[in-house]
Amino acid sequence: SPVLEKVNERAVSPYLNKAITQEQAIDELI
């Protein structure tokens, strides 16, 4: 859950809000 929270905060939510690109979202997810 701590890892999933970071993924959601840094990758999923910004990508859905179109704040970052898809490549940046993948990097922040990994």
PDB file of all heavy atoms in Angstrom:
ATOM      1  N   SER A   1       0.814  -1.229   0.000  1.00  0.00           N
ATOM      2  CA  SER A   1       0.000   0.000   0.000  1.00  0.00           C
ATOM      3  C   SER A   1       0.843   1.273   0.000  1.00  0.00           C
ATOM      4  O   SER A   1       0.491   2.229  -0.712  1.00  0.00           O
ATOM      5  CB  SER A   1      -0.966  -0.012   1.191  1.00  0.00           C
ATOM      6  OG  SER A   1      -0.268  -0.132   2.415  1.00  0.00           O
ATOM      7  N   PRO A   2       1.963   1.372   0.752  1.00  0.00           N
ATOM      8  CA  PRO A   2       2.772   2.601   0.624  1.00  0.00           C
ATOM      9  C   PRO A   2       3.303   2.814  -0.787  1.00  0.00           C
ATOM     10  O   PRO A   2       3.357   3.955  -1.276  1.00  0.00           O
ATOM     11  CB  PRO A   2       3.910   2.374   1.627  1.00  0.00           C
ATOM     12  CG  PRO A   2       3.368   1.397   2.608  1.00  0.00           C
ATOM     13  CD  PRO A   2       2.488   0.496   1.811  1.00  0.00           C
ATOM     14  N   VAL A   3       3.690   1.731  -1.446  1.00  0.00           N
ATOM     15  CA  VAL A   3       4.181   1.845  -2.823  1.00  0.00           C
ATOM     16  C   VAL A   3       3.052   2.262  -3.761  1.00  0.00           C
ATOM     17  O   VAL A   3       3.231   3.124  -4.636  1.00  0.00           O
ATOM     18  CB  VAL A   3       4.802   0.519  -3.280  1.00  0.00           C
ATOM     19  CG1 VAL A   3       5.267   0.608  -4.732  1.00  0.00           C
ATOM     20  CG2 VAL A   3       5.953   0.120  -2.377  1.00  0.00           C
ATOM     21  N   LEU A   4       1.866   1.660  -3.577  1.00  0.00           N
ATOM     22  CA  LEU A   4       0.733   2.012  -4.429  1.00  0.00           C
ATOM     23  C   LEU A   4       0.302   3.461  -4.223  1.00  0.00           C
ATOM     24  O   LEU A   4      -0.110   4.128  -5.178  1.00  0.00           O
ATOM     25  CB  LEU A   4      -0.435   1.070  -4.133  1.00  0.00           C
ATOM     26  CG  LEU A   4      -0.200  -0.408  -4.459  1.00  0.00           C
ATOM     27  CD1 LEU A   4      -1.417  -1.242  -4.056  1.00  0.00           C
ATOM     28  CD2 LEU A   4       0.104  -0.597  -5.936  1.00  0.00           C
ATOM     29  N   GLU A   5       0.405   3.951  -3.002  1.00  0.00           N
ATOM     30  CA  GLU A   5       0.069   5.354  -2.747  1.00  0.00           C
ATOM     31  C   GLU A   5       1.027   6.288  -3.467  1.00  0.00           C
ATOM     32  O   GLU A   5       0.616   7.310  -4.029  1.00  0.00           O
ATOM     33  CB  GLU A   5       0.085   5.619  -1.240  1.00  0.00           C
ATOM     34  CG  GLU A   5      -1.066   4.949  -0.483  1.00  0.00           C
ATOM     35  CD  GLU A   5      -0.942   5.135   1.011  1.00  0.00           C
ATOM     36  OE1 GLU A   5       0.056   5.764   1.451  1.00  0.00           O
ATOM     37  OE2 GLU A   5      -1.825   4.651   1.746  1.00  0.00           O
ATOM     38  N   LYS A   6       2.313   5.948  -3.451  1.00  0.00           N
ATOM     39  CA  LYS A   6       3.281   6.778  -4.174  1.00  0.00           C
ATOM     40  C   LYS A   6       3.034   6.734  -5.679  1.00  0.00           C
ATOM     41  O   LYS A   6       3.145   7.758  -6.361  1.00  0.00           O
ATOM     42  CB  LYS A   6       4.695   6.303  -3.860  1.00  0.00           C
ATOM     43  CG  LYS A   6       5.143   6.565  -2.435  1.00  0.00           C
ATOM     44  CD  LYS A   6       6.569   6.071  -2.222  1.00  0.00           C
ATOM     45  CE  LYS A   6       7.017   6.316  -0.791  1.00  0.00           C
ATOM     46  NZ  LYS A   6       8.404   5.817  -0.552  1.00  0.00           N
ATOM     47  N   VAL A   7       2.691   5.543  -6.187  1.00  0.00           N
ATOM     48  CA  VAL A   7       2.403   5.417  -7.618  1.00  0.00           C
ATOM     49  C   VAL A   7       1.199   6.263  -7.996  1.00  0.00           C
ATOM     50  O   VAL A   7       1.202   6.970  -9.017  1.00  0.00           O
ATOM     51  CB  VAL A   7       2.180   3.942  -7.987  1.00  0.00           C
ATOM     52  CG1 VAL A   7       1.615   3.819  -9.400  1.00  0.00           C
ATOM     53  CG2 VAL A   7       3.474   3.158  -7.862  1.00  0.00           C
ATOM     54  N   ASN A   8       0.169   6.218  -7.175  1.00  0.00           N
ATOM     55  CA  ASN A   8      -1.032   7.010  -7.454  1.00  0.00           C
ATOM     56  C   ASN A   8      -0.758   8.507  -7.353  1.00  0.00           C
ATOM     57  O   ASN A   8      -1.259   9.293  -8.156  1.00  0.00           O
ATOM     58  CB  ASN A   8      -2.142   6.616  -6.488  1.00  0.00           C
ATOM     59  CG  ASN A   8      -3.429   7.372  -6.744  1.00  0.00           C
ATOM     60  OD1 ASN A   8      -4.014   7.303  -7.814  1.00  0.00           O
ATOM     61  ND2 ASN A   8      -3.880   8.128  -5.747  1.00  0.00           N
ATOM     62  N   GLU A   9       0.062   8.895  -6.380  1.00  0.00           N
ATOM     63  CA  GLU A   9       0.335  10.315  -6.166  1.00  0.00           C
ATOM     64  C   GLU A   9       1.251  10.900  -7.224  1.00  0.00           C
ATOM     65  O   GLU A   9       1.049  12.039  -7.670  1.00  0.00           O
ATOM     66  CB  GLU A   9       0.956  10.497  -4.781  1.00  0.00           C
ATOM     67  CG  GLU A   9       1.312  11.937  -4.439  1.00  0.00           C
ATOM     68  CD  GLU A   9       1.965  12.066  -3.082  1.00  0.00           C
ATOM     69  OE1 GLU A   9       2.026  11.053  -2.351  1.00  0.00           O
ATOM     70  OE2 GLU A   9       2.432  13.176  -2.754  1.00  0.00           O
ATOM     71  N   ARG A  10       2.234  10.107  -7.656  1.00  0.00           N
ATOM     72  CA  ARG A  10       3.254  10.638  -8.555  1.00  0.00           C
ATOM     73  C   ARG A  10       3.010  10.320 -10.024  1.00  0.00           C
ATOM     74  O   ARG A  10       3.513  11.047 -10.891  1.00  0.00           O
ATOM     75  CB  ARG A  10       4.634  10.098  -8.154  1.00  0.00           C
ATOM     76  CG  ARG A  10       5.049  10.448  -6.746  1.00  0.00           C
ATOM     77  CD  ARG A  10       6.390   9.811  -6.405  1.00  0.00           C
ATOM     78  NE  ARG A  10       6.799  10.071  -5.033  1.00  0.00           N
ATOM     79  CZ  ARG A  10       7.915   9.601  -4.480  1.00  0.00           C
ATOM     80  NH1 ARG A  10       8.754   8.865  -5.218  1.00  0.00           N
ATOM     81  NH2 ARG A  10       8.200   9.873  -3.221  1.00  0.00           N
ATOM     82  N   ALA A  11       2.263   9.260 -10.293  1.00  0.00           N
ATOM     83  CA  ALA A  11       2.111   8.834 -11.683  1.00  0.00           C
ATOM     84  C   ALA A  11       0.674   8.860 -12.163  1.00  0.00           C
ATOM     85  O   ALA A  11       0.355   9.520 -13.161  1.00  0.00           O
ATOM     86  CB  ALA A  11       2.699   7.425 -11.859  1.00  0.00           C
ATOM     87  N   VAL A  12      -0.220   8.155 -11.462  1.00  0.00           N
ATOM     88  CA  VAL A  12      -1.579   7.981 -11.979  1.00  0.00           C
ATOM     89  C   VAL A  12      -2.349   9.290 -11.962  1.00  0.00           C
ATOM     90  O   VAL A  12      -2.900   9.720 -12.986  1.00  0.00           O
ATOM     91  CB  VAL A  12      -2.313   6.889 -11.173  1.00  0.00           C
ATOM     92  CG1 VAL A  12      -3.744   6.748 -11.676  1.00  0.00           C
ATOM     93  CG2 VAL A  12      -1.577   5.561 -11.283  1.00  0.00           C
ATOM     94  N   SER A  13      -2.419   9.937 -10.796  1.00  0.00           N
ATOM     95  CA  SER A  13      -3.210  11.171 -10.690  1.00  0.00           C
ATOM     96  C   SER A  13      -2.687  12.285 -11.593  1.00  0.00           C
ATOM     97  O   SER A  13      -3.470  12.917 -12.321  1.00  0.00           O
ATOM     98  CB  SER A  13      -3.254  11.640  -9.230  1.00  0.00           C
ATOM     99  OG  SER A  13      -3.942  10.701  -8.433  1.00  0.00           O
ATOM    100  N   PRO A  14      -1.370  12.573 -11.617  1.00  0.00           N
ATOM    101  CA  PRO A  14      -0.894  13.611 -12.550  1.00  0.00           C
ATOM    102  C   PRO A  14      -1.158  13.275 -14.012  1.00  0.00           C
ATOM    103  O   PRO A  14      -1.461  14.173 -14.807  1.00  0.00           O
ATOM    104  CB  PRO A  14       0.609  13.687 -12.260  1.00  0.00           C
ATOM    105  CG  PRO A  14       0.755  13.168 -10.876  1.00  0.00           C
ATOM    106  CD  PRO A  14      -0.281  12.113 -10.736  1.00  0.00           C
ATOM    107  N   TYR A  15      -1.058  11.983 -14.368  1.00  0.00           N
ATOM    108  CA  TYR A  15      -1.301  11.621 -15.758  1.00  0.00           C
ATOM    109  C   TYR A  15      -2.774  11.800 -16.125  1.00  0.00           C
ATOM    110  O   TYR A  15      -3.096  12.270 -17.223  1.00  0.00           O
ATOM    111  CB  TYR A  15      -0.861  10.180 -15.998  1.00  0.00           C
ATOM    112  CG  TYR A  15      -1.128   9.699 -17.410  1.00  0.00           C
ATOM    113  CD1 TYR A  15      -0.394  10.190 -18.484  1.00  0.00           C
ATOM    114  CD2 TYR A  15      -2.123   8.764 -17.668  1.00  0.00           C
ATOM    115  CE1 TYR A  15      -0.646   9.765 -19.782  1.00  0.00           C
ATOM    116  CE2 TYR A  15      -2.380   8.335 -18.957  1.00  0.00           C
ATOM    117  CZ  TYR A  15      -1.639   8.834 -20.009  1.00  0.00           C
ATOM    118  OH  TYR A  15      -1.891   8.415 -21.285  1.00  0.00           O
ATOM    119  N   LEU A  16      -3.668  11.396 -15.214  1.00  0.00           N
ATOM    120  CA  LEU A  16      -5.094  11.581 -15.489  1.00  0.00           C
ATOM    121  C   LEU A  16      -5.467  13.059 -15.559  1.00  0.00           C
ATOM    122  O   LEU A  16      -6.383  13.432 -16.287  1.00  0.00           O
ATOM    123  CB  LEU A  16      -5.932  10.877 -14.416  1.00  0.00           C
ATOM    124  CG  LEU A  16      -5.823   9.337 -14.381  1.00  0.00           C
ATOM    125  CD1 LEU A  16      -6.670   8.775 -13.249  1.00  0.00           C
ATOM    126  CD2 LEU A  16      -6.257   8.730 -15.709  1.00  0.00           C
ATOM    127  N   ASN A  17      -4.762  13.899 -14.797  1.00  0.00           N
ATOM    128  CA  ASN A  17      -5.009  15.343 -14.839  1.00  0.00           C
ATOM    129  C   ASN A  17      -4.231  16.038 -15.956  1.00  0.00           C
ATOM    130  O   ASN A  17      -4.244  17.271 -16.039  1.00  0.00           O
ATOM    131  CB  ASN A  17      -4.626  15.976 -13.492  1.00  0.00           C
ATOM    132  CG  ASN A  17      -5.514  15.488 -12.367  1.00  0.00           C
ATOM    133  OD1 ASN A  17      -6.692  15.177 -12.563  1.00  0.00           O
ATOM    134  ND2 ASN A  17      -4.955  15.410 -11.168  1.00  0.00           N
ATOM    135  N   LYS A  18      -3.537  15.230 -16.783  1.00  0.00           N
ATOM    136  CA  LYS A  18      -2.769  15.742 -17.918  1.00  0.00           C
ATOM    137  C   LYS A  18      -1.670  16.708 -17.496  1.00  0.00           C
ATOM    138  O   LYS A  18      -1.330  17.643 -18.217  1.00  0.00           O
ATOM    139  CB  LYS A  18      -3.688  16.408 -18.937  1.00  0.00           C
ATOM    140  CG  LYS A  18      -4.723  15.463 -19.526  1.00  0.00           C
ATOM    141  CD  LYS A  18      -5.601  16.153 -20.560  1.00  0.00           C
ATOM    142  CE  LYS A  18      -6.625  15.178 -21.138  1.00  0.00           C
ATOM    143  NZ  LYS A  18      -7.483  15.818 -22.160  1.00  0.00           N
ATOM    144  N   ALA A  19      -1.112  16.443 -16.286  1.00  0.00           N
ATOM    145  CA  ALA A  19      -0.009  17.274 -15.813  1.00  0.00           C
ATOM    146  C   ALA A  19       1.333  16.746 -16.286  1.00  0.00           C
ATOM    147  O   ALA A  19       2.313  17.507 -16.335  1.00  0.00           O
ATOM    148  CB  ALA A  19      -0.021  17.353 -14.283  1.00  0.00           C
ATOM    149  N   ILE A  20       1.419  15.456 -16.609  1.00  0.00           N
ATOM    150  CA  ILE A  20       2.656  14.856 -17.090  1.00  0.00           C
ATOM    151  C   ILE A  20       2.345  14.024 -18.332  1.00  0.00           C
ATOM    152  O   ILE A  20       1.188  13.670 -18.584  1.00  0.00           O
ATOM    153  CB  ILE A  20       3.341  13.982 -16.025  1.00  0.00           C
ATOM    154  CG1 ILE A  20       2.386  12.874 -15.559  1.00  0.00           C
ATOM    155  CG2 ILE A  20       3.806  14.815 -14.844  1.00  0.00           C
ATOM    156  CD1 ILE A  20       3.006  11.919 -14.555  1.00  0.00           C
ATOM    157  N   THR A  21       3.371  13.700 -19.089  1.00  0.00           N
ATOM    158  CA  THR A  21       3.193  12.894 -20.282  1.00  0.00           C
ATOM    159  C   THR A  21       3.164  11.409 -19.917  1.00  0.00           C
ATOM    160  O   THR A  21       3.418  11.025 -18.773  1.00  0.00           O
ATOM    161  CB  THR A  21       4.327  13.158 -21.274  1.00  0.00           C
ATOM    162  OG1 THR A  21       5.579  12.777 -20.666  1.00  0.00           O
ATOM    163  CG2 THR A  21       4.373  14.632 -21.648  1.00  0.00           C
ATOM    164  N   GLN A  22       2.876  10.597 -20.913  1.00  0.00           N
ATOM    165  CA  GLN A  22       2.813   9.154 -20.672  1.00  0.00           C
ATOM    166  C   GLN A  22       4.186   8.596 -20.307  1.00  0.00           C
ATOM    167  O   GLN A  22       4.292   7.731 -19.435  1.00  0.00           O
ATOM    168  CB  GLN A  22       2.276   8.452 -21.916  1.00  0.00           C
ATOM    169  CG  GLN A  22       2.076   6.953 -21.736  1.00  0.00           C
ATOM    170  CD  GLN A  22       1.429   6.316 -22.949  1.00  0.00           C
ATOM    171  OE1 GLN A  22       1.145   6.982 -23.936  1.00  0.00           O
ATOM    172  NE2 GLN A  22       1.196   5.020 -22.876  1.00  0.00           N
ATOM    173  N   GLU A  23       5.249   9.067 -20.959  1.00  0.00           N
ATOM    174  CA  GLU A  23       6.590   8.595 -20.643  1.00  0.00           C
ATOM    175  C   GLU A  23       6.974   8.972 -19.217  1.00  0.00           C
ATOM    176  O   GLU A  23       7.564   8.158 -18.484  1.00  0.00           O
ATOM    177  CB  GLU A  23       7.604   9.184 -21.633  1.00  0.00           C
ATOM    178  CG  GLU A  23       7.490   8.654 -23.056  1.00  0.00           C
ATOM    179  CD  GLU A  23       6.308   9.257 -23.801  1.00  0.00           C
ATOM    180  OE1 GLU A  23       5.713  10.231 -23.274  1.00  0.00           O
ATOM    181  OE2 GLU A  23       5.985   8.760 -24.896  1.00  0.00           O
ATOM    182  N   GLN A  24       6.650  10.180 -18.797  1.00  0.00           N
ATOM    183  CA  GLN A  24       6.938  10.578 -17.422  1.00  0.00           C
ATOM    184  C   GLN A  24       6.130   9.765 -16.422  1.00  0.00           C
ATOM    185  O   GLN A  24       6.635   9.411 -15.344  1.00  0.00           O
ATOM    186  CB  GLN A  24       6.640  12.073 -17.251  1.00  0.00           C
ATOM    187  CG  GLN A  24       7.576  12.986 -18.025  1.00  0.00           C
ATOM    188  CD  GLN A  24       7.151  14.437 -17.936  1.00  0.00           C
ATOM    189  OE1 GLN A  24       5.991  14.761 -17.672  1.00  0.00           O
ATOM    190  NE2 GLN A  24       8.097  15.344 -18.169  1.00  0.00           N
ATOM    191  N   ALA A  25       4.890   9.446 -16.773  1.00  0.00           N
ATOM    192  CA  ALA A  25       4.062   8.635 -15.877  1.00  0.00           C
ATOM    193  C   ALA A  25       4.646   7.241 -15.694  1.00  0.00           C
ATOM    194  O   ALA A  25       4.638   6.688 -14.588  1.00  0.00           O
ATOM    195  CB  ALA A  25       2.634   8.553 -16.419  1.00  0.00           C
ATOM    196  N   ILE A  26       5.158   6.658 -16.771  1.00  0.00           N
ATOM    197  CA  ILE A  26       5.765   5.322 -16.675  1.00  0.00           C
ATOM    198  C   ILE A  26       7.007   5.356 -15.786  1.00  0.00           C
ATOM    199  O   ILE A  26       7.224   4.471 -14.950  1.00  0.00           O
ATOM    200  CB  ILE A  26       6.100   4.792 -18.076  1.00  0.00           C
ATOM    201  CG1 ILE A  26       4.801   4.548 -18.861  1.00  0.00           C
ATOM    202  CG2 ILE A  26       6.918   3.508 -17.989  1.00  0.00           C
ATOM    203  CD1 ILE A  26       5.027   4.137 -20.301  1.00  0.00           C
ATOM    204  N   ASP A  27       7.818   6.398 -15.938  1.00  0.00           N
ATOM    205  CA  ASP A  27       9.014   6.525 -15.099  1.00  0.00           C
ATOM    206  C   ASP A  27       8.640   6.695 -13.627  1.00  0.00           C
ATOM    207  O   ASP A  27       9.253   6.067 -12.746  1.00  0.00           O
ATOM    208  CB  ASP A  27       9.853   7.715 -15.561  1.00  0.00           C
ATOM    209  CG  ASP A  27      10.468   7.479 -16.928  1.00  0.00           C
ATOM    210  OD1 ASP A  27      10.628   6.299 -17.302  1.00  0.00           O
ATOM    211  OD2 ASP A  27      10.777   8.471 -17.625  1.00  0.00           O
ATOM    212  N   GLU A  28       7.649   7.534 -13.361  1.00  0.00           N
ATOM    213  CA  GLU A  28       7.224   7.747 -11.978  1.00  0.00           C
ATOM    214  C   GLU A  28       6.556   6.500 -11.402  1.00  0.00           C
ATOM    215  O   GLU A  28       6.574   6.282 -10.196  1.00  0.00           O
ATOM    216  CB  GLU A  28       6.249   8.933 -11.914  1.00  0.00           C
ATOM    217  CG  GLU A  28       6.872  10.271 -12.238  1.00  0.00           C
ATOM    218  CD  GLU A  28       7.929  10.666 -11.218  1.00  0.00           C
ATOM    219  OE1 GLU A  28       7.853  10.209 -10.062  1.00  0.00           O
ATOM    220  OE2 GLU A  28       8.836  11.434 -11.578  1.00  0.00           O
ATOM    221  N   LEU A  29       5.973   5.664 -12.246  1.00  0.00           N
ATOM    222  CA  LEU A  29       5.366   4.424 -11.781  1.00  0.00           C
ATOM    223  C   LEU A  29       6.435   3.389 -11.424  1.00  0.00           C
ATOM    224  O   LEU A  29       6.290   2.651 -10.448  1.00  0.00           O
ATOM    225  CB  LEU A  29       4.433   3.876 -12.859  1.00  0.00           C
ATOM    226  CG  LEU A  29       3.600   2.636 -12.523  1.00  0.00           C
ATOM    227  CD1 LEU A  29       2.258   2.705 -13.218  1.00  0.00           C
ATOM    228  CD2 LEU A  29       4.312   1.348 -12.939  1.00  0.00           C
ATOM    229  N   ILE A  30       7.501   3.351 -12.200  1.00  0.00           N
ATOM    230  CA  ILE A  30       8.534   2.342 -11.982  1.00  0.00           C
ATOM    231  C   ILE A  30       9.400   2.676 -10.769  1.00  0.00           C
ATOM    232  O   ILE A  30       9.843   1.771 -10.046  1.00  0.00           O
ATOM    233  CB  ILE A  30       9.399   2.199 -13.250  1.00  0.00           C
ATOM    234  CG1 ILE A  30       8.564   1.598 -14.385  1.00  0.00           C
ATOM    235  CG2 ILE A  30      10.624   1.328 -12.995  1.00  0.00           C
ATOM    236  CD1 ILE A  30       9.307   1.506 -15.696  1.00  0.00           C
TER     237      ILE A  30
END
